[in-house]
């Protein structure tokens, strides 16, 4: 799952911000880094990440920095270092702080990394259904869809129909859709589903396609399936575990 730094690339994904009345659209961008650790450097890497967190605390870092680790997939064992909830202008506003944080990261963490990939992803709130009362999310399933060039709009329209069907039927599944906007293959979309535990992977009693047929009818469900098959060039899946011990969350 080499291109899935989008997730979280997992994943945002502790909270999907909701717009307040009279305010501008909520910040939906996330900056992420996929980190591959040098063989045998796992303990040193994690110790270095904790030093990075201490640096954030000492310097009153205002951004959240979440760390996730892949449990399955091609990138199993690798880490995702991610800051959610931003506008594009935020990247400009913190240019000087970013430079200092990066210098500390390069001197502390980078010596233990074999490679690093960076990307920026955007949450699509109109077709997302993230729980507001779940609290800390221990794990997420990530399904990545590489879409054929020129078919991004068709894909978004199709998953929008799926979202509407889920909302109308009350199917008990929560999720967020993200799109890669920089630093990866585009168009690529990621479906992120929160998991309370491994047992939660079983999913609801009623499977997805029977739910769709019941919600929109057999003909429309078949049309949605055909559209997905036409739009999607390649699909990947993996599961990531949240690492609160390596993450930084500001006091305020």
C-alpha atoms as a PDB file:
ATOM      1  CA  UNK A   1       0.000   0.000   0.000  1.00  0.00           C
ATOM      2  CA  UNK A   2       2.799   2.330  -0.953  1.00  0.00           C
ATOM      3  CA  UNK A   3       0.569   5.221  -1.950  1.00  0.00           C
ATOM      4  CA  UNK A   4      -1.570   5.239   1.181  1.00  0.00           C
ATOM      5  CA  UNK A   5       0.212   7.989   3.109  1.00  0.00           C
ATOM      6  CA  UNK A   6      -3.076   9.715   2.146  1.00  0.00           C
ATOM      7  CA  UNK A   7      -4.740   8.046   4.875  1.00  0.00           C
ATOM      8  CA  UNK A   8      -4.426   9.029   7.448  1.00  0.00           C
ATOM      9  CA  UNK A   9      -3.189   9.639   5.127  1.00  0.00           C
ATOM     10  CA  UNK A  10      -5.712   7.678   8.872  1.00  0.00           C
ATOM     11  CA  UNK A  11      -5.999   8.549   8.637  1.00  0.00           C
ATOM     12  CA  UNK A  12      -7.310  12.882  10.126  1.00  0.00           C
ATOM     13  CA  UNK A  13      -8.765  10.792  11.708  1.00  0.00           C
ATOM     14  CA  UNK A  14      -9.763  11.291  15.227  1.00  0.00           C
ATOM     15  CA  UNK A  15     -12.418  13.895  14.474  1.00  0.00           C
ATOM     16  CA  UNK A  16     -14.103  15.315  11.382  1.00  0.00           C
ATOM     17  CA  UNK A  17     -14.570  19.004  12.076  1.00  0.00           C
ATOM     18  CA  UNK A  18     -18.104  20.352  11.697  1.00  0.00           C
ATOM     19  CA  UNK A  19     -18.821  23.840  10.332  1.00  0.00           C
ATOM     20  CA  UNK A  20     -20.080  26.421  12.785  1.00  0.00           C
ATOM     21  CA  UNK A  21     -22.845  28.795  11.765  1.00  0.00           C
ATOM     22  CA  UNK A  22     -21.569  32.034  10.283  1.00  0.00           C
ATOM     23  CA  UNK A  23     -18.016  30.760   9.882  1.00  0.00           C
ATOM     24  CA  UNK A  24     -15.983  29.719   6.864  1.00  0.00           C
ATOM     25  CA  UNK A  25     -15.744  26.106   5.798  1.00  0.00           C
ATOM     26  CA  UNK A  26     -13.968  23.953   8.406  1.00  0.00           C
ATOM     27  CA  UNK A  27     -10.298  23.021   7.918  1.00  0.00           C
ATOM     28  CA  UNK A  28     -10.200  19.686   6.117  1.00  0.00           C
ATOM     29  CA  UNK A  29      -6.585  19.273   5.007  1.00  0.00           C
ATOM     30  CA  UNK A  30      -4.118  16.884   6.608  1.00  0.00           C
ATOM     31  CA  UNK A  31      -0.379  16.813   6.137  1.00  0.00           C
ATOM     32  CA  UNK A  32       1.121  13.343   6.407  1.00  0.00           C
ATOM     33  CA  UNK A  33       4.455  11.554   6.281  1.00  0.00           C
ATOM     34  CA  UNK A  34       4.932   7.822   5.733  1.00  0.00           C
ATOM     35  CA  UNK A  35       8.046   6.653   7.557  1.00  0.00           C
ATOM     36  CA  UNK A  36       9.898   3.415   6.866  1.00  0.00           C
ATOM     37  CA  UNK A  37      12.311   2.535   9.678  1.00  0.00           C
ATOM     38  CA  UNK A  38      15.781   1.131   9.084  1.00  0.00           C
ATOM     39  CA  UNK A  39      15.951  -2.610   9.908  1.00  0.00           C
ATOM     40  CA  UNK A  40      16.886  -3.078  13.553  1.00  0.00           C
ATOM     41  CA  UNK A  41      16.231   0.583  14.423  1.00  0.00           C
ATOM     42  CA  UNK A  42      12.646   0.212  15.657  1.00  0.00           C
ATOM     43  CA  UNK A  43      13.449   0.913  19.331  1.00  0.00           C
ATOM     44  CA  UNK A  44      15.715   3.845  18.461  1.00  0.00           C
ATOM     45  CA  UNK A  45      13.105   5.250  16.107  1.00  0.00           C
ATOM     46  CA  UNK A  46      10.351   5.188  18.707  1.00  0.00           C
ATOM     47  CA  UNK A  47      12.634   6.737  21.309  1.00  0.00           C
ATOM     48  CA  UNK A  48      13.448   9.499  18.810  1.00  0.00           C
ATOM     49  CA  UNK A  49       9.752  10.092  18.098  1.00  0.00           C
ATOM     50  CA  UNK A  50       9.174  10.583  21.819  1.00  0.00           C
ATOM     51  CA  UNK A  51      11.974  13.164  21.829  1.00  0.00           C
ATOM     52  CA  UNK A  52      10.189  14.919  18.966  1.00  0.00           C
ATOM     53  CA  UNK A  53       7.018  15.030  21.073  1.00  0.00           C
ATOM     54  CA  UNK A  54       8.993  16.548  23.952  1.00  0.00           C
ATOM     55  CA  UNK A  55      10.338  19.176  21.555  1.00  0.00           C
ATOM     56  CA  UNK A  56       6.752  20.029  20.538  1.00  0.00           C
ATOM     57  CA  UNK A  57       5.767  20.409  24.190  1.00  0.00           C
ATOM     58  CA  UNK A  58       8.751  22.611  24.978  1.00  0.00           C
ATOM     59  CA  UNK A  59       8.048  24.815  21.950  1.00  0.00           C
ATOM     60  CA  UNK A  60       4.282  25.083  22.468  1.00  0.00           C
ATOM     61  CA  UNK A  61       3.409  23.354  19.210  1.00  0.00           C
ATOM     62  CA  UNK A  62      -0.172  24.180  18.188  1.00  0.00           C
ATOM     63  CA  UNK A  63      -0.703  21.463  15.566  1.00  0.00           C
ATOM     64  CA  UNK A  64      -1.821  17.953  16.474  1.00  0.00           C
ATOM     65  CA  UNK A  65       0.587  15.223  15.323  1.00  0.00           C
ATOM     66  CA  UNK A  66      -0.880  11.719  15.283  1.00  0.00           C
ATOM     67  CA  UNK A  67       1.176   8.591  14.724  1.00  0.00           C
ATOM     68  CA  UNK A  68      -0.319   5.445  13.217  1.00  0.00           C
ATOM     69  CA  UNK A  69       1.338   2.124  12.465  1.00  0.00           C
ATOM     70  CA  UNK A  70       0.272  -0.295   9.754  1.00  0.00           C
ATOM     71  CA  UNK A  71      -0.814  -3.692  11.043  1.00  0.00           C
ATOM     72  CA  UNK A  72      -1.500  -5.243   7.615  1.00  0.00           C
ATOM     73  CA  UNK A  73      -0.706  -4.562   3.964  1.00  0.00           C
ATOM     74  CA  UNK A  74       2.513  -4.008   2.013  1.00  0.00           C
ATOM     75  CA  UNK A  75       3.604  -1.320   4.459  1.00  0.00           C
ATOM     76  CA  UNK A  76       3.106  -3.450   7.590  1.00  0.00           C
ATOM     77  CA  UNK A  77       5.204  -2.085  10.452  1.00  0.00           C
ATOM     78  CA  UNK A  78       5.690   1.324   8.868  1.00  0.00           C
ATOM     79  CA  UNK A  79       4.495   4.523  10.539  1.00  0.00           C
ATOM     80  CA  UNK A  80       2.328   7.425   9.435  1.00  0.00           C
ATOM     81  CA  UNK A  81       3.055  10.793  11.065  1.00  0.00           C
ATOM     82  CA  UNK A  82       0.101  13.072  10.425  1.00  0.00           C
ATOM     83  CA  UNK A  83      -1.382  16.450  11.322  1.00  0.00           C
ATOM     84  CA  UNK A  84      -5.101  16.970  10.509  1.00  0.00           C
ATOM     85  CA  UNK A  85      -7.456  19.926  10.484  1.00  0.00           C
ATOM     86  CA  UNK A  86      -5.772  22.620   8.391  1.00  0.00           C
ATOM     87  CA  UNK A  87      -6.418  25.205   5.706  1.00  0.00           C
ATOM     88  CA  UNK A  88      -3.944  25.798   2.880  1.00  0.00           C
ATOM     89  CA  UNK A  89      -3.029  29.149   4.434  1.00  0.00           C
ATOM     90  CA  UNK A  90      -1.904  27.343   7.594  1.00  0.00           C
ATOM     91  CA  UNK A  91       1.107  26.026   5.687  1.00  0.00           C
ATOM     92  CA  UNK A  92       2.231  29.626   5.085  1.00  0.00           C
ATOM     93  CA  UNK A  93       1.449  30.869   8.585  1.00  0.00           C
ATOM     94  CA  UNK A  94       3.782  28.369  10.241  1.00  0.00           C
ATOM     95  CA  UNK A  95       6.662  28.364   7.750  1.00  0.00           C
ATOM     96  CA  UNK A  96       9.257  29.413  10.349  1.00  0.00           C
ATOM     97  CA  UNK A  97       8.012  26.958  12.989  1.00  0.00           C
ATOM     98  CA  UNK A  98       7.908  24.176  10.392  1.00  0.00           C
ATOM     99  CA  UNK A  99      11.529  24.869   9.512  1.00  0.00           C
ATOM    100  CA  UNK A 100      12.627  24.541  13.150  1.00  0.00           C
ATOM    101  CA  UNK A 101      10.519  21.420  13.766  1.00  0.00           C
ATOM    102  CA  UNK A 102      11.878  19.817  10.608  1.00  0.00           C
ATOM    103  CA  UNK A 103      15.464  20.542  11.624  1.00  0.00           C
ATOM    104  CA  UNK A 104      14.884  18.839  14.973  1.00  0.00           C
ATOM    105  CA  UNK A 105      13.156  15.913  13.276  1.00  0.00           C
ATOM    106  CA  UNK A 106      15.996  15.457  10.802  1.00  0.00           C
ATOM    107  CA  UNK A 107      18.617  15.434  13.538  1.00  0.00           C
ATOM    108  CA  UNK A 108      16.642  13.206  15.909  1.00  0.00           C
ATOM    109  CA  UNK A 109      14.328  10.897  13.960  1.00  0.00           C
ATOM    110  CA  UNK A 110      15.691  10.833  10.393  1.00  0.00           C
ATOM    111  CA  UNK A 111      18.891   8.894  11.285  1.00  0.00           C
ATOM    112  CA  UNK A 112      16.647   5.905  12.030  1.00  0.00           C
ATOM    113  CA  UNK A 113      14.468   6.119   8.902  1.00  0.00           C
ATOM    114  CA  UNK A 114      15.160   4.394   5.619  1.00  0.00           C
ATOM    115  CA  UNK A 115      12.711   6.483   3.608  1.00  0.00           C
ATOM    116  CA  UNK A 116      10.005   9.118   3.996  1.00  0.00           C
ATOM    117  CA  UNK A 117       7.091  10.015   1.733  1.00  0.00           C
ATOM    118  CA  UNK A 118       4.968  13.130   2.169  1.00  0.00           C
ATOM    119  CA  UNK A 119       1.458  13.961   1.011  1.00  0.00           C
ATOM    120  CA  UNK A 120      -1.515  16.193   1.701  1.00  0.00           C
ATOM    121  CA  UNK A 121      -5.039  14.821   1.804  1.00  0.00           C
ATOM    122  CA  UNK A 122      -8.461  16.411   2.112  1.00  0.00           C
ATOM    123  CA  UNK A 123     -11.480  15.107   4.002  1.00  0.00           C
ATOM    124  CA  UNK A 124     -14.725  15.128   1.998  1.00  0.00           C
ATOM    125  CA  UNK A 125     -17.252  16.032   4.733  1.00  0.00           C
ATOM    126  CA  UNK A 126     -20.398  15.943   2.585  1.00  0.00           C
ATOM    127  CA  UNK A 127     -19.989  12.217   1.977  1.00  0.00           C
ATOM    128  CA  UNK A 128     -18.423  11.296   5.319  1.00  0.00           C
ATOM    129  CA  UNK A 129     -20.158   9.862   8.363  1.00  0.00           C
ATOM    130  CA  UNK A 130     -17.706  10.013  11.240  1.00  0.00           C
ATOM    131  CA  UNK A 131     -18.968   9.307  14.787  1.00  0.00           C
ATOM    132  CA  UNK A 132     -19.073  12.346  17.046  1.00  0.00           C
ATOM    133  CA  UNK A 133     -19.047  10.398  20.303  1.00  0.00           C
ATOM    134  CA  UNK A 134     -16.515   7.640  19.668  1.00  0.00           C
ATOM    135  CA  UNK A 135     -13.580   9.298  21.392  1.00  0.00           C
ATOM    136  CA  UNK A 136     -10.112   8.034  20.618  1.00  0.00           C
ATOM    137  CA  UNK A 137     -10.081   5.645  17.667  1.00  0.00           C
ATOM    138  CA  UNK A 138      -7.727   2.709  18.383  1.00  0.00           C
ATOM    139  CA  UNK A 139      -7.683   1.326  14.833  1.00  0.00           C
ATOM    140  CA  UNK A 140      -8.876   2.184  11.332  1.00  0.00           C
ATOM    141  CA  UNK A 141      -9.475   0.171   8.201  1.00  0.00           C
ATOM    142  CA  UNK A 142      -8.290   2.016   5.101  1.00  0.00           C
ATOM    143  CA  UNK A 143      -9.551   1.173   1.625  1.00  0.00           C
ATOM    144  CA  UNK A 144      -7.664   2.992  -1.122  1.00  0.00           C
ATOM    145  CA  UNK A 145      -9.167   3.475  -4.579  1.00  0.00           C
ATOM    146  CA  UNK A 146      -6.991   4.492  -7.529  1.00  0.00           C
ATOM    147  CA  UNK A 147      -9.398   6.017 -10.047  1.00  0.00           C
ATOM    148  CA  UNK A 148      -8.953   6.250 -13.808  1.00  0.00           C
ATOM    149  CA  UNK A 149      -7.857   9.676 -15.067  1.00  0.00           C
ATOM    150  CA  UNK A 150     -10.853  11.851 -15.927  1.00  0.00           C
ATOM    151  CA  UNK A 151     -13.287   9.809 -13.836  1.00  0.00           C
ATOM    152  CA  UNK A 152     -12.868  11.427 -10.412  1.00  0.00           C
ATOM    153  CA  UNK A 153     -16.170  13.296 -10.698  1.00  0.00           C
ATOM    154  CA  UNK A 154     -18.043  10.126 -11.685  1.00  0.00           C
ATOM    155  CA  UNK A 155     -16.478   8.281  -8.744  1.00  0.00           C
ATOM    156  CA  UNK A 156     -17.430  11.010  -6.258  1.00  0.00           C
ATOM    157  CA  UNK A 157     -21.000  11.075  -7.609  1.00  0.00           C
ATOM    158  CA  UNK A 158     -21.220   7.300  -7.202  1.00  0.00           C
ATOM    159  CA  UNK A 159     -19.941   7.210  -3.625  1.00  0.00           C
ATOM    160  CA  UNK A 160     -22.275  10.113  -2.934  1.00  0.00           C
ATOM    161  CA  UNK A 161     -25.197   7.871  -3.909  1.00  0.00           C
ATOM    162  CA  UNK A 162     -23.847   5.182  -1.592  1.00  0.00           C
ATOM    163  CA  UNK A 163     -23.592   7.719   1.221  1.00  0.00           C
ATOM    164  CA  UNK A 164     -27.209   8.789   0.700  1.00  0.00           C
ATOM    165  CA  UNK A 165     -28.382   5.167   0.760  1.00  0.00           C
ATOM    166  CA  UNK A 166     -26.483   4.514   3.998  1.00  0.00           C
ATOM    167  CA  UNK A 167     -27.936   7.628   5.605  1.00  0.00           C
ATOM    168  CA  UNK A 168     -31.493   6.743   4.565  1.00  0.00           C
ATOM    169  CA  UNK A 169     -31.229   3.122   5.650  1.00  0.00           C
ATOM    170  CA  UNK A 170     -29.453   3.871   8.936  1.00  0.00           C
ATOM    171  CA  UNK A 171     -26.843   1.201   8.163  1.00  0.00           C
ATOM    172  CA  UNK A 172     -24.674   1.118  11.332  1.00  0.00           C
ATOM    173  CA  UNK A 173     -21.308   1.956   9.806  1.00  0.00           C
ATOM    174  CA  UNK A 174     -19.251   5.137  10.219  1.00  0.00           C
ATOM    175  CA  UNK A 175     -16.562   6.319   7.831  1.00  0.00           C
ATOM    176  CA  UNK A 176     -14.743   9.225   6.227  1.00  0.00           C
ATOM    177  CA  UNK A 177     -13.718   9.758   2.623  1.00  0.00           C
ATOM    178  CA  UNK A 178     -10.402  11.442   1.844  1.00  0.00           C
ATOM    179  CA  UNK A 179      -8.841  12.544  -1.436  1.00  0.00           C
ATOM    180  CA  UNK A 180      -5.142  12.880  -2.166  1.00  0.00           C
ATOM    181  CA  UNK A 181      -4.455  16.435  -3.313  1.00  0.00           C
ATOM    182  CA  UNK A 182      -0.642  16.515  -3.338  1.00  0.00           C
ATOM    183  CA  UNK A 183       2.247  14.107  -3.029  1.00  0.00           C
ATOM    184  CA  UNK A 184       0.709  10.942  -4.430  1.00  0.00           C
ATOM    185  CA  UNK A 185      -1.043   9.311  -7.331  1.00  0.00           C
ATOM    186  CA  UNK A 186      -4.172  11.223  -8.335  1.00  0.00           C
ATOM    187  CA  UNK A 187      -7.034  10.763  -8.501  1.00  0.00           C
ATOM    188  CA  UNK A 188      -6.854   8.566  -5.387  1.00  0.00           C
ATOM    189  CA  UNK A 189      -9.534   8.331  -2.726  1.00  0.00           C
ATOM    190  CA  UNK A 190      -9.384   6.615   0.659  1.00  0.00           C
ATOM    191  CA  UNK A 191     -12.270   5.248   2.697  1.00  0.00           C
ATOM    192  CA  UNK A 192     -11.395   5.250   6.415  1.00  0.00           C
ATOM    193  CA  UNK A 193     -13.533   3.201   8.813  1.00  0.00           C
ATOM    194  CA  UNK A 194     -12.990   3.440  12.592  1.00  0.00           C
ATOM    195  CA  UNK A 195     -12.583   0.157  14.488  1.00  0.00           C
ATOM    196  CA  UNK A 196     -12.998  -0.298  18.227  1.00  0.00           C
ATOM    197  CA  UNK A 197     -11.285  -3.693  18.133  1.00  0.00           C
ATOM    198  CA  UNK A 198     -10.333  -6.567  15.844  1.00  0.00           C
ATOM    199  CA  UNK A 199     -13.784  -8.076  16.504  1.00  0.00           C
ATOM    200  CA  UNK A 200     -15.279  -4.891  15.033  1.00  0.00           C
ATOM    201  CA  UNK A 201     -13.853  -5.941  11.654  1.00  0.00           C
ATOM    202  CA  UNK A 202     -16.786  -8.352  11.273  1.00  0.00           C
ATOM    203  CA  UNK A 203     -19.058  -5.466  10.354  1.00  0.00           C
ATOM    204  CA  UNK A 204     -22.864  -5.186  10.580  1.00  0.00           C
ATOM    205  CA  UNK A 205     -25.181  -8.169  10.271  1.00  0.00           C
ATOM    206  CA  UNK A 206     -26.572  -6.968   6.963  1.00  0.00           C
ATOM    207  CA  UNK A 207     -23.820  -6.942   4.269  1.00  0.00           C
ATOM    208  CA  UNK A 208     -23.221  -3.893   2.108  1.00  0.00           C
ATOM    209  CA  UNK A 209     -24.824  -4.911  -1.189  1.00  0.00           C
ATOM    210  CA  UNK A 210     -28.024  -6.333   0.334  1.00  0.00           C
ATOM    211  CA  UNK A 211     -28.315  -3.029   2.204  1.00  0.00           C
ATOM    212  CA  UNK A 212     -27.934  -1.130  -1.083  1.00  0.00           C
ATOM    213  CA  UNK A 213     -30.535  -3.246  -2.865  1.00  0.00           C
ATOM    214  CA  UNK A 214     -32.990  -2.720  -0.028  1.00  0.00           C
ATOM    215  CA  UNK A 215     -32.317   1.021   0.085  1.00  0.00           C
ATOM    216  CA  UNK A 216     -32.345   1.906  -3.646  1.00  0.00           C
ATOM    217  CA  UNK A 217     -33.621  -1.199  -5.457  1.00  0.00           C
ATOM    218  CA  UNK A 218     -31.824  -3.893  -7.421  1.00  0.00           C
ATOM    219  CA  UNK A 219     -31.492  -1.903 -10.654  1.00  0.00           C
ATOM    220  CA  UNK A 220     -29.949   1.158  -8.986  1.00  0.00           C
ATOM    221  CA  UNK A 221     -27.640  -0.998  -6.851  1.00  0.00           C
ATOM    222  CA  UNK A 222     -26.423  -2.739 -10.005  1.00  0.00           C
ATOM    223  CA  UNK A 223     -25.863   0.658 -11.651  1.00  0.00           C
ATOM    224  CA  UNK A 224     -23.769   1.797  -8.667  1.00  0.00           C
ATOM    225  CA  UNK A 225     -21.726  -1.399  -8.831  1.00  0.00           C
ATOM    226  CA  UNK A 226     -21.146  -0.966 -12.563  1.00  0.00           C
ATOM    227  CA  UNK A 227     -20.043   2.630 -12.080  1.00  0.00           C
ATOM    228  CA  UNK A 228     -17.526   1.600  -9.412  1.00  0.00           C
ATOM    229  CA  UNK A 229     -16.123  -1.092 -11.678  1.00  0.00           C
ATOM    230  CA  UNK A 230     -15.749   1.455 -14.481  1.00  0.00           C
ATOM    231  CA  UNK A 231     -14.150   4.177 -12.345  1.00  0.00           C
ATOM    232  CA  UNK A 232     -11.750   2.162 -10.192  1.00  0.00           C
ATOM    233  CA  UNK A 233      -8.463   1.051 -11.689  1.00  0.00           C
ATOM    234  CA  UNK A 234      -7.005  -0.526  -8.570  1.00  0.00           C
ATOM    235  CA  UNK A 235      -8.001  -1.072  -4.949  1.00  0.00           C
ATOM    236  CA  UNK A 236      -5.957  -1.750  -1.778  1.00  0.00           C
ATOM    237  CA  UNK A 237      -6.867  -2.330   1.849  1.00  0.00           C
ATOM    238  CA  UNK A 238      -4.971  -2.254   5.142  1.00  0.00           C
ATOM    239  CA  UNK A 239      -5.470  -1.663   8.851  1.00  0.00           C
ATOM    240  CA  UNK A 240      -3.611   0.857  10.991  1.00  0.00           C
ATOM    241  CA  UNK A 241      -3.282   1.132  14.774  1.00  0.00           C
ATOM    242  CA  UNK A 242      -3.144   4.469  16.575  1.00  0.00           C
ATOM    243  CA  UNK A 243       0.016   5.033  18.629  1.00  0.00           C
ATOM    244  CA  UNK A 244      -0.901   7.540  21.384  1.00  0.00           C
ATOM    245  CA  UNK A 245       2.501   6.982  23.023  1.00  0.00           C
ATOM    246  CA  UNK A 246       4.203   8.507  19.976  1.00  0.00           C
ATOM    247  CA  UNK A 247       1.588  11.188  19.224  1.00  0.00           C
ATOM    248  CA  UNK A 248       1.381  14.831  20.236  1.00  0.00           C
ATOM    249  CA  UNK A 249      -1.859  16.554  21.210  1.00  0.00           C
ATOM    250  CA  UNK A 250      -1.659  20.198  22.375  1.00  0.00           C
ATOM    251  CA  UNK A 251      -2.855  21.002  25.879  1.00  0.00           C
ATOM    252  CA  UNK A 252      -5.466  23.376  24.482  1.00  0.00           C
END
